[in-house]
C-alpha atoms as a PDB file:
ATOM      1  CA  MET A   1       0.036  -0.059  -0.060  1.00  0.00           C
ATOM      2  CA  LYS A   2       0.969   3.293  -0.795  1.00  0.00           C
ATOM      3  CA  ASP A   3      -0.714   6.403   0.280  1.00  0.00           C
ATOM      4  CA  THR A   4       2.146   8.968   0.574  1.00  0.00           C
ATOM      5  CA  PRO A   5       1.314  11.991  -2.026  1.00  0.00           C
ATOM      6  CA  GLU A   6       4.378  12.031  -4.462  1.00  0.00           C
ATOM      7  CA  ALA A   7       6.017  15.094  -2.931  1.00  0.00           C
ATOM      8  CA  ILE A   8       6.118  14.313   0.313  1.00  0.00           C
ATOM      9  CA  GLU A   9       7.827  11.130  -0.812  1.00  0.00           C
ATOM     10  CA  GLN A  10      10.635  13.275  -2.733  1.00  0.00           C
ATOM     11  CA  ARG A  11      10.864  15.483   0.032  1.00  0.00           C
ATOM     12  CA  TYR A  12      11.115  12.893   2.502  1.00  0.00           C
ATOM     13  CA  GLN A  13      13.887  10.866   0.390  1.00  0.00           C
ATOM     14  CA  ALA A  14      15.659  14.548   0.046  1.00  0.00           C
ATOM     15  CA  MET A  15      15.616  15.159   3.921  1.00  0.00           C
ATOM     16  CA  LEU A  16      17.002  11.355   4.747  1.00  0.00           C
ATOM     17  CA  LYS A  17      19.549  12.111   1.354  1.00  0.00           C
ATOM     18  CA  GLY A  18      20.967  14.605   3.424  1.00  0.00           C
ATOM     19  CA  LYS A  19      21.487  13.195   6.831  1.00  0.00           C
ATOM     20  CA  SER A  20      25.178  11.665   7.897  1.00  0.00           C
ATOM     21  CA  ASN A  21      25.426   7.605   7.816  1.00  0.00           C
ATOM     22  CA  GLU A  22      25.721   8.285  11.419  1.00  0.00           C
ATOM     23  CA  GLU A  23      22.389  10.049  11.694  1.00  0.00           C
ATOM     24  CA  ARG A  24      20.923   7.927   9.098  1.00  0.00           C
ATOM     25  CA  LEU A  25      22.110   4.651  11.910  1.00  0.00           C
ATOM     26  CA  LYS A  26      21.139   6.786  15.160  1.00  0.00           C
ATOM     27  CA  MET A  27      17.208   7.047  13.473  1.00  0.00           C
ATOM     28  CA  GLY A  28      16.877   3.049  12.522  1.00  0.00           C
ATOM     29  CA  CYS A  29      18.209   2.342  16.405  1.00  0.00           C
ATOM     30  CA  SER A  30      16.273   4.967  17.903  1.00  0.00           C
ATOM     31  CA  MET A  31      13.048   3.422  15.756  1.00  0.00           C
ATOM     32  CA  PHE A  32      13.898   0.030  17.112  1.00  0.00           C
ATOM     33  CA  LYS A  33      13.859   1.265  20.615  1.00  0.00           C
ATOM     34  CA  LEU A  34      10.839   2.600  20.343  1.00  0.00           C
ATOM     35  CA  ALA A  35       8.956  -0.423  18.581  1.00  0.00           C
ATOM     36  CA  SER A  36      10.585  -2.529  21.017  1.00  0.00           C
ATOM     37  CA  SER A  37       9.461  -0.509  24.151  1.00  0.00           C
ATOM     38  CA  PHE A  38       5.693  -1.230  22.789  1.00  0.00           C
ATOM     39  CA  MET A  39       5.730  -4.585  21.637  1.00  0.00           C
ATOM     40  CA  ILE A  40       7.383  -5.243  25.241  1.00  0.00           C
ATOM     41  CA  SER A  41       4.200  -3.183  27.073  1.00  0.00           C
ATOM     42  CA  SER A  42       1.710  -5.335  24.532  1.00  0.00           C
ATOM     43  CA  LEU A  43       3.424  -8.750  26.098  1.00  0.00           C
ATOM     44  CA  ILE A  44       3.492  -7.384  30.035  1.00  0.00           C
ATOM     45  CA  ASP A  45      -0.214  -6.462  29.447  1.00  0.00           C
ATOM     46  CA  LYS A  46      -1.094 -10.204  28.521  1.00  0.00           C
ATOM     47  CA  GLY A  47       0.502 -11.085  31.513  1.00  0.00           C
ATOM     48  CA  ILE A  48       3.364 -12.773  29.883  1.00  0.00           C
ATOM     49  CA  ARG A  49       6.224 -13.221  32.788  1.00  0.00           C
ATOM     50  CA  PHE A  50       9.615 -11.482  33.017  1.00  0.00           C
ATOM     51  CA  ASP A  51      11.925 -14.182  32.391  1.00  0.00           C
ATOM     52  CA  GLU A  52       9.515 -15.640  29.402  1.00  0.00           C
ATOM     53  CA  LEU A  53       9.610 -11.696  27.529  1.00  0.00           C
ATOM     54  CA  LYS A  54      12.911 -12.044  25.639  1.00  0.00           C
ATOM     55  CA  LYS A  55      11.693 -15.723  23.787  1.00  0.00           C
ATOM     56  CA  HIS A  56       8.040 -13.597  23.245  1.00  0.00           C
ATOM     57  CA  LEU A  57       9.626 -10.980  21.850  1.00  0.00           C
ATOM     58  CA  PHE A  58      12.362 -12.494  19.736  1.00  0.00           C
ATOM     59  CA  ILE A  59       9.504 -14.627  17.854  1.00  0.00           C
ATOM     60  CA  LYS A  60       7.710 -10.758  17.359  1.00  0.00           C
ATOM     61  CA  ILE A  61      10.014  -9.407  15.475  1.00  0.00           C
ATOM     62  CA  TYR A  62      12.195 -12.163  14.138  1.00  0.00           C
ATOM     63  CA  GLY A  63       9.480 -14.880  13.890  1.00  0.00           C
ATOM     64  CA  ASN A  64       8.014 -14.877  10.315  1.00  0.00           C
ATOM     65  CA  ASP A  65      11.514 -14.568   8.564  1.00  0.00           C
ATOM     66  CA  ILE A  66      13.530 -17.490  10.078  1.00  0.00           C
ATOM     67  CA  ASP A  67      12.799 -21.311   9.101  1.00  0.00           C
ATOM     68  CA  GLU A  68      10.641 -23.055  11.870  1.00  0.00           C
ATOM     69  CA  GLU A  69      12.693 -25.218  12.623  1.00  0.00           C
ATOM     70  CA  ILE A  70      15.938 -23.059  12.772  1.00  0.00           C
ATOM     71  CA  ARG A  71      13.571 -20.090  15.406  1.00  0.00           C
ATOM     72  CA  ASN A  72      12.539 -23.357  17.654  1.00  0.00           C
ATOM     73  CA  ARG A  73      16.397 -24.091  18.418  1.00  0.00           C
ATOM     74  CA  ILE A  74      16.682 -20.145  18.926  1.00  0.00           C
ATOM     75  CA  VAL A  75      14.022 -20.217  21.035  1.00  0.00           C
ATOM     76  CA  ALA A  76      14.820 -22.779  23.234  1.00  0.00           C
ATOM     77  CA  ARG A  77      18.399 -21.279  24.207  1.00  0.00           C
ATOM     78  CA  LEU A  78      16.978 -18.111  25.185  1.00  0.00           C
END
């Protein structure tokens, strides 16, 4: 789905290209941290125990991108 007007998309791309690699990395890390905090909060609201958070967070973030067998082995080690 693409609902962003072309002029806004071009403006956004120009803004990103104007940033240094370090600034873009910091932006990405900041967005990942914020998304992780939302996911952790939602897991806690669902009653997930603190010692199980790491496993559930891993599945939420990477669960659909990894082969099921490999995912299960990683979760078992967490």
